[in-house]
């Protein structure tokens, strides 16, 4: 396990992907970003399983906290994070994209 980009291949097709990085200047926090499940693989609990896997990878790498951001209109991801124990700690309006963005964390 390592930091960087991950891809889940199913029958040679990229079903999902995500990235894990260390937060700059803070070795306690791992940042999860660009989590994506291809439309053909949605609705099969793959997102839930991969969310747990991201947490486990961050734990194995020695991090104390996992952080992610998400837009409020991504209802499926917002629900998944809530049901898996993530805590929303801040919401901000992104002037560049006009999206509301939530910062969420989970202790590892």
PDB file of N, CA and C in Angstrom:
ATOM      1  N   UNK A   1       0.845  -1.179   0.000  1.00  0.00           N
ATOM      2  CA  UNK A   1       0.000   0.000   0.000  1.00  0.00           C
ATOM      3  C   UNK A   1       0.882   1.230   0.000  1.00  0.00           C
ATOM      4  N   UNK A   2       0.397   2.281  -0.662  1.00  0.00           N
ATOM      5  CA  UNK A   2       1.179   3.510  -0.768  1.00  0.00           C
ATOM      6  C   UNK A   2       0.255   4.676  -1.095  1.00  0.00           C
ATOM      7  N   UNK A   3       0.802   5.857  -1.030  1.00  0.00           N
ATOM      8  CA  UNK A   3       0.066   7.036  -1.461  1.00  0.00           C
ATOM      9  C   UNK A   3       0.069   7.077  -2.980  1.00  0.00           C
ATOM     10  N   UNK A   4      -0.905   7.757  -3.550  1.00  0.00           N
ATOM     11  CA  UNK A   4      -0.958   7.891  -4.995  1.00  0.00           C
ATOM     12  C   UNK A   4      -2.315   7.491  -5.535  1.00  0.00           C
ATOM     13  N   UNK A   5      -2.330   7.123  -6.806  1.00  0.00           N
ATOM     14  CA  UNK A   5      -3.580   6.819  -7.505  1.00  0.00           C
ATOM     15  C   UNK A   5      -3.855   5.319  -7.506  1.00  0.00           C
ATOM     16  N   UNK A   6      -5.106   4.982  -7.271  1.00  0.00           N
ATOM     17  CA  UNK A   6      -5.562   3.593  -7.288  1.00  0.00           C
ATOM     18  C   UNK A   6      -6.654   3.441  -8.344  1.00  0.00           C
ATOM     19  N   UNK A   7      -6.671   2.262  -8.966  1.00  0.00           N
ATOM     20  CA  UNK A   7      -7.726   1.921  -9.925  1.00  0.00           C
ATOM     21  C   UNK A   7      -8.171   0.498  -9.650  1.00  0.00           C
ATOM     22  N   UNK A   8      -9.470   0.293  -9.650  1.00  0.00           N
ATOM     23  CA  UNK A   8     -10.031  -1.046  -9.512  1.00  0.00           C
ATOM     24  C   UNK A   8     -10.449  -1.511 -10.889  1.00  0.00           C
ATOM     25  N   UNK A   9      -9.820  -2.576 -11.361  1.00  0.00           N
ATOM     26  CA  UNK A   9     -10.150  -3.136 -12.664  1.00  0.00           C
ATOM     27  C   UNK A   9     -11.009  -4.377 -12.481  1.00  0.00           C
ATOM     28  N   UNK A  10     -12.094  -4.429 -13.229  1.00  0.00           N
ATOM     29  CA  UNK A  10     -12.966  -5.603 -13.237  1.00  0.00           C
ATOM     30  C   UNK A  10     -13.058  -6.056 -14.684  1.00  0.00           C
ATOM     31  N   UNK A  11     -12.565  -7.260 -14.934  1.00  0.00           N
ATOM     32  CA  UNK A  11     -12.519  -7.791 -16.299  1.00  0.00           C
ATOM     33  C   UNK A  11     -11.825  -6.821 -17.255  1.00  0.00           C
ATOM     34  N   UNK A  12     -10.756  -6.210 -16.767  1.00  0.00           N
ATOM     35  CA  UNK A  12      -9.959  -5.305 -17.590  1.00  0.00           C
ATOM     36  C   UNK A  12     -10.529  -3.907 -17.749  1.00  0.00           C
ATOM     37  N   UNK A  13     -11.673  -3.651 -17.125  1.00  0.00           N
ATOM     38  CA  UNK A  13     -12.324  -2.343 -17.219  1.00  0.00           C
ATOM     39  C   UNK A  13     -12.128  -1.597 -15.897  1.00  0.00           C
ATOM     40  N   UNK A  14     -11.785  -0.313 -15.968  1.00  0.00           N
ATOM     41  CA  UNK A  14     -11.639   0.499 -14.759  1.00  0.00           C
ATOM     42  C   UNK A  14     -13.028   0.776 -14.189  1.00  0.00           C
ATOM     43  N   UNK A  15     -13.354   0.088 -13.089  1.00  0.00           N
ATOM     44  CA  UNK A  15     -14.662   0.235 -12.456  1.00  0.00           C
ATOM     45  C   UNK A  15     -14.690   1.408 -11.482  1.00  0.00           C
ATOM     46  N   UNK A  16     -13.542   1.712 -10.889  1.00  0.00           N
ATOM     47  CA  UNK A  16     -13.483   2.788  -9.904  1.00  0.00           C
ATOM     48  C   UNK A  16     -12.045   3.261  -9.766  1.00  0.00           C
ATOM     49  N   UNK A  17     -11.911   4.475  -9.252  1.00  0.00           N
ATOM     50  CA  UNK A  17     -10.574   5.021  -9.013  1.00  0.00           C
ATOM     51  C   UNK A  17     -10.625   6.025  -7.874  1.00  0.00           C
ATOM     52  N   UNK A  18      -9.474   6.279  -7.266  1.00  0.00           N
ATOM     53  CA  UNK A  18      -9.350   7.273  -6.209  1.00  0.00           C
ATOM     54  C   UNK A  18      -7.870   7.584  -6.020  1.00  0.00           C
ATOM     55  N   UNK A  19      -7.608   8.644  -5.251  1.00  0.00           N
ATOM     56  CA  UNK A  19      -6.236   9.045  -4.951  1.00  0.00           C
ATOM     57  C   UNK A  19      -6.113   9.288  -3.459  1.00  0.00           C
ATOM     58  N   UNK A  20      -4.944   8.980  -2.919  1.00  0.00           N
ATOM     59  CA  UNK A  20      -4.623   9.250  -1.524  1.00  0.00           C
ATOM     60  C   UNK A  20      -3.318  10.028  -1.472  1.00  0.00           C
ATOM     61  N   UNK A  21      -3.317  11.120  -0.713  1.00  0.00           N
ATOM     62  CA  UNK A  21      -2.119  11.953  -0.566  1.00  0.00           C
ATOM     63  C   UNK A  21      -1.953  12.369   0.883  1.00  0.00           C
ATOM     64  N   UNK A  22      -0.730  12.650   1.268  1.00  0.00           N
ATOM     65  CA  UNK A  22      -0.484  13.241   2.577  1.00  0.00           C
ATOM     66  C   UNK A  22      -0.780  14.736   2.487  1.00  0.00           C
ATOM     67  N   UNK A  23      -1.464  15.252   3.502  1.00  0.00           N
ATOM     68  CA  UNK A  23      -1.723  16.690   3.525  1.00  0.00           C
ATOM     69  C   UNK A  23      -0.377  17.415   3.645  1.00  0.00           C
ATOM     70  N   UNK A  24      -0.159  18.425   2.807  1.00  0.00           N
ATOM     71  CA  UNK A  24       1.101  19.164   2.895  1.00  0.00           C
ATOM     72  C   UNK A  24       1.349  19.694   4.312  1.00  0.00           C
ATOM     73  N   UNK A  25       2.533  19.486   4.792  1.00  0.00           N
ATOM     74  CA  UNK A  25       3.001  20.008   6.086  1.00  0.00           C
ATOM     75  C   UNK A  25       2.320  19.382   7.298  1.00  0.00           C
ATOM     76  N   UNK A  26       1.640  18.227   7.126  1.00  0.00           N
ATOM     77  CA  UNK A  26       1.001  17.559   8.264  1.00  0.00           C
ATOM     78  C   UNK A  26       0.954  16.061   8.011  1.00  0.00           C
ATOM     79  N   UNK A  27       1.832  15.324   8.653  1.00  0.00           N
ATOM     80  CA  UNK A  27       1.915  13.884   8.410  1.00  0.00           C
ATOM     81  C   UNK A  27       0.863  13.084   9.181  1.00  0.00           C
ATOM     82  N   UNK A  28      -0.053  13.743   9.892  1.00  0.00           N
ATOM     83  CA  UNK A  28      -1.127  13.042  10.596  1.00  0.00           C
ATOM     84  C   UNK A  28      -2.341  12.826   9.712  1.00  0.00           C
ATOM     85  N   UNK A  29      -2.448  13.620   8.621  1.00  0.00           N
ATOM     86  CA  UNK A  29      -3.671  13.629   7.820  1.00  0.00           C
ATOM     87  C   UNK A  29      -3.425  13.100   6.408  1.00  0.00           C
ATOM     88  N   UNK A  30      -4.251  12.148   6.027  1.00  0.00           N
ATOM     89  CA  UNK A  30      -4.251  11.627   4.662  1.00  0.00           C
ATOM     90  C   UNK A  30      -5.470  12.226   3.956  1.00  0.00           C
ATOM     91  N   UNK A  31      -5.287  12.649   2.718  1.00  0.00           N
ATOM     92  CA  UNK A  31      -6.359  13.252   1.938  1.00  0.00           C
ATOM     93  C   UNK A  31      -6.811  12.270   0.860  1.00  0.00           C
ATOM     94  N   UNK A  32      -8.100  11.985   0.845  1.00  0.00           N
ATOM     95  CA  UNK A  32      -8.701  11.150  -0.188  1.00  0.00           C
ATOM     96  C   UNK A  32      -9.368  12.073  -1.190  1.00  0.00           C
ATOM     97  N   UNK A  33      -9.067  11.880  -2.475  1.00  0.00           N
ATOM     98  CA  UNK A  33      -9.673  12.742  -3.487  1.00  0.00           C
ATOM     99  C   UNK A  33      -9.916  11.965  -4.775  1.00  0.00           C
ATOM    100  N   UNK A  34     -10.703  12.558  -5.632  1.00  0.00           N
ATOM    101  CA  UNK A  34     -11.007  12.017  -6.961  1.00  0.00           C
ATOM    102  C   UNK A  34     -11.625  10.625  -6.919  1.00  0.00           C
ATOM    103  N   UNK A  35     -12.369  10.322  -5.857  1.00  0.00           N
ATOM    104  CA  UNK A  35     -13.038   9.024  -5.781  1.00  0.00           C
ATOM    105  C   UNK A  35     -14.165   8.996  -6.810  1.00  0.00           C
ATOM    106  N   UNK A  36     -14.184   7.931  -7.615  1.00  0.00           N
ATOM    107  CA  UNK A  36     -15.157   7.852  -8.701  1.00  0.00           C
ATOM    108  C   UNK A  36     -15.481   6.399  -9.005  1.00  0.00           C
ATOM    109  N   UNK A  37     -16.762   6.099  -9.132  1.00  0.00           N
ATOM    110  CA  UNK A  37     -17.225   4.777  -9.558  1.00  0.00           C
ATOM    111  C   UNK A  37     -17.903   4.965 -10.910  1.00  0.00           C
ATOM    112  N   UNK A  38     -17.475   4.188 -11.885  1.00  0.00           N
ATOM    113  CA  UNK A  38     -18.055   4.275 -13.226  1.00  0.00           C
ATOM    114  C   UNK A  38     -19.557   3.967 -13.161  1.00  0.00           C
ATOM    115  N   UNK A  39     -20.360   4.663 -13.955  1.00  0.00           N
ATOM    116  CA  UNK A  39     -21.819   4.479 -13.908  1.00  0.00           C
ATOM    117  C   UNK A  39     -22.290   3.027 -14.011  1.00  0.00           C
ATOM    118  N   UNK A  40     -21.662   2.199 -14.836  1.00  0.00           N
ATOM    119  CA  UNK A  40     -22.088   0.806 -14.983  1.00  0.00           C
ATOM    120  C   UNK A  40     -21.902  -0.013 -13.709  1.00  0.00           C
ATOM    121  N   UNK A  41     -21.082   0.483 -12.763  1.00  0.00           N
ATOM    122  CA  UNK A  41     -20.782  -0.265 -11.543  1.00  0.00           C
ATOM    123  C   UNK A  41     -21.442   0.346 -10.311  1.00  0.00           C
ATOM    124  N   UNK A  42     -22.246   1.355 -10.497  1.00  0.00           N
ATOM    125  CA  UNK A  42     -22.923   2.007  -9.369  1.00  0.00           C
ATOM    126  C   UNK A  42     -24.124   1.188  -8.921  1.00  0.00           C
ATOM    127  N   UNK A  43     -24.538   1.411  -7.670  1.00  0.00           N
ATOM    128  CA  UNK A  43     -25.701   0.718  -7.126  1.00  0.00           C
ATOM    129  C   UNK A  43     -25.411  -0.704  -6.696  1.00  0.00           C
ATOM    130  N   UNK A  44     -24.134  -1.049  -6.573  1.00  0.00           N
ATOM    131  CA  UNK A  44     -23.745  -2.418  -6.198  1.00  0.00           C
ATOM    132  C   UNK A  44     -22.918  -2.437  -4.921  1.00  0.00           C
ATOM    133  N   UNK A  45     -22.970  -1.316  -4.167  1.00  0.00           N
ATOM    134  CA  UNK A  45     -22.241  -1.158  -2.895  1.00  0.00           C
ATOM    135  C   UNK A  45     -20.731  -1.091  -3.076  1.00  0.00           C
ATOM    136  N   UNK A  46     -20.278  -0.893  -4.292  1.00  0.00           N
ATOM    137  CA  UNK A  46     -18.847  -0.771  -4.557  1.00  0.00           C
ATOM    138  C   UNK A  46     -18.265   0.467  -3.879  1.00  0.00           C
ATOM    139  N   UNK A  47     -18.990   1.575  -3.912  1.00  0.00           N
ATOM    140  CA  UNK A  47     -18.527   2.800  -3.263  1.00  0.00           C
ATOM    141  C   UNK A  47     -18.325   2.607  -1.768  1.00  0.00           C
ATOM    142  N   UNK A  48     -19.248   1.900  -1.141  1.00  0.00           N
ATOM    143  CA  UNK A  48     -19.151   1.618   0.295  1.00  0.00           C
ATOM    144  C   UNK A  48     -17.921   0.780   0.595  1.00  0.00           C
ATOM    145  N   UNK A  49     -17.711  -0.263  -0.190  1.00  0.00           N
ATOM    146  CA  UNK A  49     -16.557  -1.139   0.008  1.00  0.00           C
ATOM    147  C   UNK A  49     -15.249  -0.383  -0.197  1.00  0.00           C
ATOM    148  N   UNK A  50     -15.195   0.432  -1.242  1.00  0.00           N
ATOM    149  CA  UNK A  50     -13.956   1.161  -1.528  1.00  0.00           C
ATOM    150  C   UNK A  50     -13.707   2.277  -0.519  1.00  0.00           C
ATOM    151  N   UNK A  51     -14.767   2.843   0.042  1.00  0.00           N
ATOM    152  CA  UNK A  51     -14.597   3.835   1.103  1.00  0.00           C
ATOM    153  C   UNK A  51     -13.917   3.173   2.297  1.00  0.00           C
ATOM    154  N   UNK A  52     -14.368   1.995   2.659  1.00  0.00           N
ATOM    155  CA  UNK A  52     -13.738   1.253   3.757  1.00  0.00           C
ATOM    156  C   UNK A  52     -12.290   0.904   3.420  1.00  0.00           C
ATOM    157  N   UNK A  53     -12.038   0.534   2.187  1.00  0.00           N
ATOM    158  CA  UNK A  53     -10.678   0.207   1.768  1.00  0.00           C
ATOM    159  C   UNK A  53      -9.764   1.427   1.864  1.00  0.00           C
ATOM    160  N   UNK A  54     -10.233   2.592   1.432  1.00  0.00           N
ATOM    161  CA  UNK A  54      -9.430   3.817   1.541  1.00  0.00           C
ATOM    162  C   UNK A  54      -9.062   4.097   2.994  1.00  0.00           C
ATOM    163  N   UNK A  55     -10.030   3.901   3.882  1.00  0.00           N
ATOM    164  CA  UNK A  55      -9.748   4.104   5.310  1.00  0.00           C
ATOM    165  C   UNK A  55      -8.697   3.116   5.808  1.00  0.00           C
ATOM    166  N   UNK A  56      -8.827   1.874   5.410  1.00  0.00           N
ATOM    167  CA  UNK A  56      -7.881   0.847   5.866  1.00  0.00           C
ATOM    168  C   UNK A  56      -6.478   1.119   5.326  1.00  0.00           C
ATOM    169  N   UNK A  57      -6.370   1.528   4.084  1.00  0.00           N
ATOM    170  CA  UNK A  57      -5.061   1.861   3.516  1.00  0.00           C
ATOM    171  C   UNK A  57      -4.426   3.003   4.311  1.00  0.00           C
ATOM    172  N   UNK A  58      -5.206   4.042   4.589  1.00  0.00           N
ATOM    173  CA  UNK A  58      -4.675   5.172   5.354  1.00  0.00           C
ATOM    174  C   UNK A  58      -4.232   4.726   6.748  1.00  0.00           C
ATOM    175  N   UNK A  59      -5.003   3.835   7.382  1.00  0.00           N
ATOM    176  CA  UNK A  59      -4.609   3.291   8.695  1.00  0.00           C
ATOM    177  C   UNK A  59      -3.285   2.544   8.596  1.00  0.00           C
ATOM    178  N   UNK A  60      -3.190   1.664   7.597  1.00  0.00           N
ATOM    179  CA  UNK A  60      -1.973   0.875   7.423  1.00  0.00           C
ATOM    180  C   UNK A  60      -0.750   1.758   7.151  1.00  0.00           C
ATOM    181  N   UNK A  61      -0.976   2.903   6.537  1.00  0.00           N
ATOM    182  CA  UNK A  61       0.124   3.838   6.265  1.00  0.00           C
ATOM    183  C   UNK A  61       0.448   4.714   7.476  1.00  0.00           C
ATOM    184  N   UNK A  62      -0.288   4.544   8.556  1.00  0.00           N
ATOM    185  CA  UNK A  62       0.030   5.238   9.804  1.00  0.00           C
ATOM    186  C   UNK A  62      -0.638   6.582  10.007  1.00  0.00           C
ATOM    187  N   UNK A  63      -1.636   6.908   9.219  1.00  0.00           N
ATOM    188  CA  UNK A  63      -2.308   8.203   9.384  1.00  0.00           C
ATOM    189  C   UNK A  63      -3.323   8.146  10.518  1.00  0.00           C
ATOM    190  N   UNK A  64      -3.598   9.295  11.113  1.00  0.00           N
ATOM    191  CA  UNK A  64      -4.542   9.400  12.217  1.00  0.00           C
ATOM    192  C   UNK A  64      -5.916   9.853  11.771  1.00  0.00           C
ATOM    193  N   UNK A  65      -5.994  10.501  10.603  1.00  0.00           N
ATOM    194  CA  UNK A  65      -7.247  11.076  10.133  1.00  0.00           C
ATOM    195  C   UNK A  65      -7.271  11.032   8.616  1.00  0.00           C
ATOM    196  N   UNK A  66      -8.446  10.753   8.071  1.00  0.00           N
ATOM    197  CA  UNK A  66      -8.649  10.795   6.622  1.00  0.00           C
ATOM    198  C   UNK A  66      -9.593  11.949   6.325  1.00  0.00           C
ATOM    199  N   UNK A  67      -9.268  12.764   5.341  1.00  0.00           N
ATOM    200  CA  UNK A  67     -10.028  13.953   4.979  1.00  0.00           C
ATOM    201  C   UNK A  67     -10.441  13.854   3.524  1.00  0.00           C
ATOM    202  N   UNK A  68     -11.646  14.326   3.224  1.00  0.00           N
ATOM    203  CA  UNK A  68     -12.068  14.404   1.834  1.00  0.00           C
ATOM    204  C   UNK A  68     -12.966  15.624   1.656  1.00  0.00           C
ATOM    205  N   UNK A  69     -13.113  16.052   0.430  1.00  0.00           N
ATOM    206  CA  UNK A  69     -14.052  17.123   0.096  1.00  0.00           C
ATOM    207  C   UNK A  69     -15.048  16.566  -0.912  1.00  0.00           C
ATOM    208  N   UNK A  70     -16.214  17.170  -0.921  1.00  0.00           N
ATOM    209  CA  UNK A  70     -17.250  16.734  -1.843  1.00  0.00           C
ATOM    210  C   UNK A  70     -18.220  17.879  -2.064  1.00  0.00           C
ATOM    211  N   UNK A  71     -18.835  17.908  -3.233  1.00  0.00           N
ATOM    212  CA  UNK A  71     -19.853  18.918  -3.500  1.00  0.00           C
ATOM    213  C   UNK A  71     -21.172  18.466  -2.882  1.00  0.00           C
ATOM    214  N   UNK A  72     -21.945  19.417  -2.393  1.00  0.00           N
ATOM    215  CA  UNK A  72     -23.190  19.067  -1.694  1.00  0.00           C
ATOM    216  C   UNK A  72     -24.203  18.386  -2.603  1.00  0.00           C
ATOM    217  N   UNK A  73     -24.140  18.661  -3.908  1.00  0.00           N
ATOM    218  CA  UNK A  73     -25.130  18.058  -4.807  1.00  0.00           C
ATOM    219  C   UNK A  73     -24.839  16.585  -5.129  1.00  0.00           C
ATOM    220  N   UNK A  74     -23.700  16.055  -4.673  1.00  0.00           N
ATOM    221  CA  UNK A  74     -23.382  14.640  -4.866  1.00  0.00           C
ATOM    222  C   UNK A  74     -24.068  13.844  -3.752  1.00  0.00           C
ATOM    223  N   UNK A  75     -25.377  13.652  -3.889  1.00  0.00           N
ATOM    224  CA  UNK A  75     -26.190  13.069  -2.837  1.00  0.00           C
ATOM    225  C   UNK A  75     -25.759  11.666  -2.428  1.00  0.00           C
ATOM    226  N   UNK A  76     -25.353  10.855  -3.383  1.00  0.00           N
ATOM    227  CA  UNK A  76     -24.961   9.477  -3.069  1.00  0.00           C
ATOM    228  C   UNK A  76     -23.702   9.452  -2.209  1.00  0.00           C
ATOM    229  N   UNK A  77     -22.711  10.241  -2.560  1.00  0.00           N
ATOM    230  CA  UNK A  77     -21.476  10.294  -1.776  1.00  0.00           C
ATOM    231  C   UNK A  77     -21.731  10.902  -0.402  1.00  0.00           C
ATOM    232  N   UNK A  78     -22.566  11.937  -0.336  1.00  0.00           N
ATOM    233  CA  UNK A  78     -22.873  12.570   0.950  1.00  0.00           C
ATOM    234  C   UNK A  78     -23.518  11.542   1.886  1.00  0.00           C
ATOM    235  N   UNK A  79     -24.447  10.732   1.347  1.00  0.00           N
ATOM    236  CA  UNK A  79     -25.119   9.704   2.152  1.00  0.00           C
ATOM    237  C   UNK A  79     -24.127   8.632   2.592  1.00  0.00           C
ATOM    238  N   UNK A  80     -23.275   8.191   1.667  1.00  0.00           N
ATOM    239  CA  UNK A  80     -22.295   7.158   1.983  1.00  0.00           C
ATOM    240  C   UNK A  80     -21.375   7.608   3.113  1.00  0.00           C
ATOM    241  N   UNK A  81     -20.866   8.830   3.031  1.00  0.00           N
ATOM    242  CA  UNK A  81     -19.966   9.329   4.069  1.00  0.00           C
ATOM    243  C   UNK A  81     -20.666   9.370   5.424  1.00  0.00           C
ATOM    244  N   UNK A  82     -21.903   9.846   5.423  1.00  0.00           N
ATOM    245  CA  UNK A  82     -22.649   9.947   6.678  1.00  0.00           C
ATOM    246  C   UNK A  82     -22.865   8.570   7.307  1.00  0.00           C
ATOM    247  N   UNK A  83     -23.268   7.588   6.493  1.00  0.00           N
ATOM    248  CA  UNK A  83     -23.548   6.259   7.035  1.00  0.00           C
ATOM    249  C   UNK A  83     -22.283   5.538   7.488  1.00  0.00           C
ATOM    250  N   UNK A  84     -21.117   5.961   7.001  1.00  0.00           N
ATOM    251  CA  UNK A  84     -19.870   5.307   7.406  1.00  0.00           C
ATOM    252  C   UNK A  84     -19.129   6.072   8.491  1.00  0.00           C
ATOM    253  N   UNK A  85     -19.779   7.045   9.099  1.00  0.00           N
ATOM    254  CA  UNK A  85     -19.209   7.693  10.275  1.00  0.00           C
ATOM    255  C   UNK A  85     -18.350   8.921  10.026  1.00  0.00           C
ATOM    256  N   UNK A  86     -18.334   9.432   8.800  1.00  0.00           N
ATOM    257  CA  UNK A  86     -17.586  10.651   8.519  1.00  0.00           C
ATOM    258  C   UNK A  86     -18.296  11.838   9.164  1.00  0.00           C
ATOM    259  N   UNK A  87     -17.513  12.851   9.536  1.00  0.00           N
ATOM    260  CA  UNK A  87     -18.067  14.049  10.146  1.00  0.00           C
ATOM    261  C   UNK A  87     -17.811  15.237   9.224  1.00  0.00           C
ATOM    262  N   UNK A  88     -18.877  15.951   8.863  1.00  0.00           N
ATOM    263  CA  UNK A  88     -18.727  17.178   8.089  1.00  0.00           C
ATOM    264  C   UNK A  88     -18.226  18.266   9.036  1.00  0.00           C
ATOM    265  N   UNK A  89     -17.098  18.889   8.678  1.00  0.00           N
ATOM    266  CA  UNK A  89     -16.540  19.894   9.582  1.00  0.00           C
ATOM    267  C   UNK A  89     -16.605  21.315   9.038  1.00  0.00           C
ATOM    268  N   UNK A  90     -16.855  21.467   7.752  1.00  0.00           N
ATOM    269  CA  UNK A  90     -16.908  22.816   7.199  1.00  0.00           C
ATOM    270  C   UNK A  90     -17.553  22.776   5.820  1.00  0.00           C
ATOM    271  N   UNK A  91     -18.262  23.835   5.494  1.00  0.00           N
ATOM    272  CA  UNK A  91     -18.839  23.974   4.154  1.00  0.00           C
ATOM    273  C   UNK A  91     -18.461  25.344   3.615  1.00  0.00           C
ATOM    274  N   UNK A  92     -18.102  25.375   2.345  1.00  0.00           N
ATOM    275  CA  UNK A  92     -17.670  26.621   1.716  1.00  0.00           C
ATOM    276  C   UNK A  92     -18.253  26.713   0.307  1.00  0.00           C
ATOM    277  N   UNK A  93     -18.519  27.921  -0.124  1.00  0.00           N
ATOM    278  CA  UNK A  93     -18.970  28.160  -1.494  1.00  0.00           C
ATOM    279  C   UNK A  93     -17.729  28.356  -2.361  1.00  0.00           C
ATOM    280  N   UNK A  94     -17.603  27.547  -3.403  1.00  0.00           N
ATOM    281  CA  UNK A  94     -16.462  27.648  -4.310  1.00  0.00           C
ATOM    282  C   UNK A  94     -16.789  28.658  -5.409  1.00  0.00           C
ATOM    283  N   UNK A  95     -16.143  29.814  -5.352  1.00  0.00           N
ATOM    284  CA  UNK A  95     -16.395  30.868  -6.337  1.00  0.00           C
ATOM    285  C   UNK A  95     -15.960  30.462  -7.736  1.00  0.00           C
ATOM    286  N   UNK A  96     -15.030  29.536  -7.836  1.00  0.00           N
ATOM    287  CA  UNK A  96     -14.540  29.120  -9.151  1.00  0.00           C
ATOM    288  C   UNK A  96     -15.520  28.218  -9.886  1.00  0.00           C
ATOM    289  N   UNK A  97     -16.211  27.351  -9.134  1.00  0.00           N
ATOM    290  CA  UNK A  97     -17.110  26.381  -9.764  1.00  0.00           C
ATOM    291  C   UNK A  97     -18.587  26.645  -9.459  1.00  0.00           C
ATOM    292  N   UNK A  98     -18.856  27.519  -8.537  1.00  0.00           N
ATOM    293  CA  UNK A  98     -20.192  27.830  -8.006  1.00  0.00           C
ATOM    294  C   UNK A  98     -20.834  26.649  -7.273  1.00  0.00           C
ATOM    295  N   UNK A  99     -20.014  25.726  -6.810  1.00  0.00           N
ATOM    296  CA  UNK A  99     -20.498  24.597  -6.013  1.00  0.00           C
ATOM    297  C   UNK A  99     -20.316  24.886  -4.535  1.00  0.00           C
ATOM    298  N   UNK A 100     -21.195  24.319  -3.709  1.00  0.00           N
ATOM    299  CA  UNK A 100     -20.963  24.281  -2.278  1.00  0.00           C
ATOM    300  C   UNK A 100     -20.138  23.029  -2.002  1.00  0.00           C
ATOM    301  N   UNK A 101     -19.048  23.180  -1.258  1.00  0.00           N
ATOM    302  CA  UNK A 101     -18.127  22.096  -0.998  1.00  0.00           C
ATOM    303  C   UNK A 101     -18.089  21.817   0.497  1.00  0.00           C
ATOM    304  N   UNK A 102     -18.161  20.538   0.856  1.00  0.00           N
ATOM    305  CA  UNK A 102     -18.114  20.121   2.258  1.00  0.00           C
ATOM    306  C   UNK A 102     -16.777  19.433   2.511  1.00  0.00           C
ATOM    307  N   UNK A 103     -16.135  19.792   3.615  1.00  0.00           N
ATOM    308  CA  UNK A 103     -14.939  19.084   4.085  1.00  0.00           C
ATOM    309  C   UNK A 103     -15.391  18.085   5.129  1.00  0.00           C
ATOM    310  N   UNK A 104     -15.047  16.822   4.916  1.00  0.00           N
ATOM    311  CA  UNK A 104     -15.443  15.749   5.827  1.00  0.00           C
ATOM    312  C   UNK A 104     -14.207  15.009   6.320  1.00  0.00           C
ATOM    313  N   UNK A 105     -14.270  14.503   7.563  1.00  0.00           N
ATOM    314  CA  UNK A 105     -13.144  13.780   8.142  1.00  0.00           C
ATOM    315  C   UNK A 105     -13.636  12.543   8.882  1.00  0.00           C
ATOM    316  N   UNK A 106     -12.707  11.590   9.034  1.00  0.00           N
ATOM    317  CA  UNK A 106     -12.971  10.430   9.885  1.00  0.00           C
ATOM    318  C   UNK A 106     -11.678  10.067  10.593  1.00  0.00           C
ATOM    319  N   UNK A 107     -11.770   9.839  11.899  1.00  0.00           N
ATOM    320  CA  UNK A 107     -10.610   9.405  12.664  1.00  0.00           C
ATOM    321  C   UNK A 107     -10.309   7.962  12.320  1.00  0.00           C
ATOM    322  N   UNK A 108      -9.033   7.659  12.262  1.00  0.00           N
ATOM    323  CA  UNK A 108      -8.642   6.291  11.888  1.00  0.00           C
ATOM    324  C   UNK A 108      -8.222   5.519  13.121  1.00  0.00           C
TER     325      UNK A 108
END
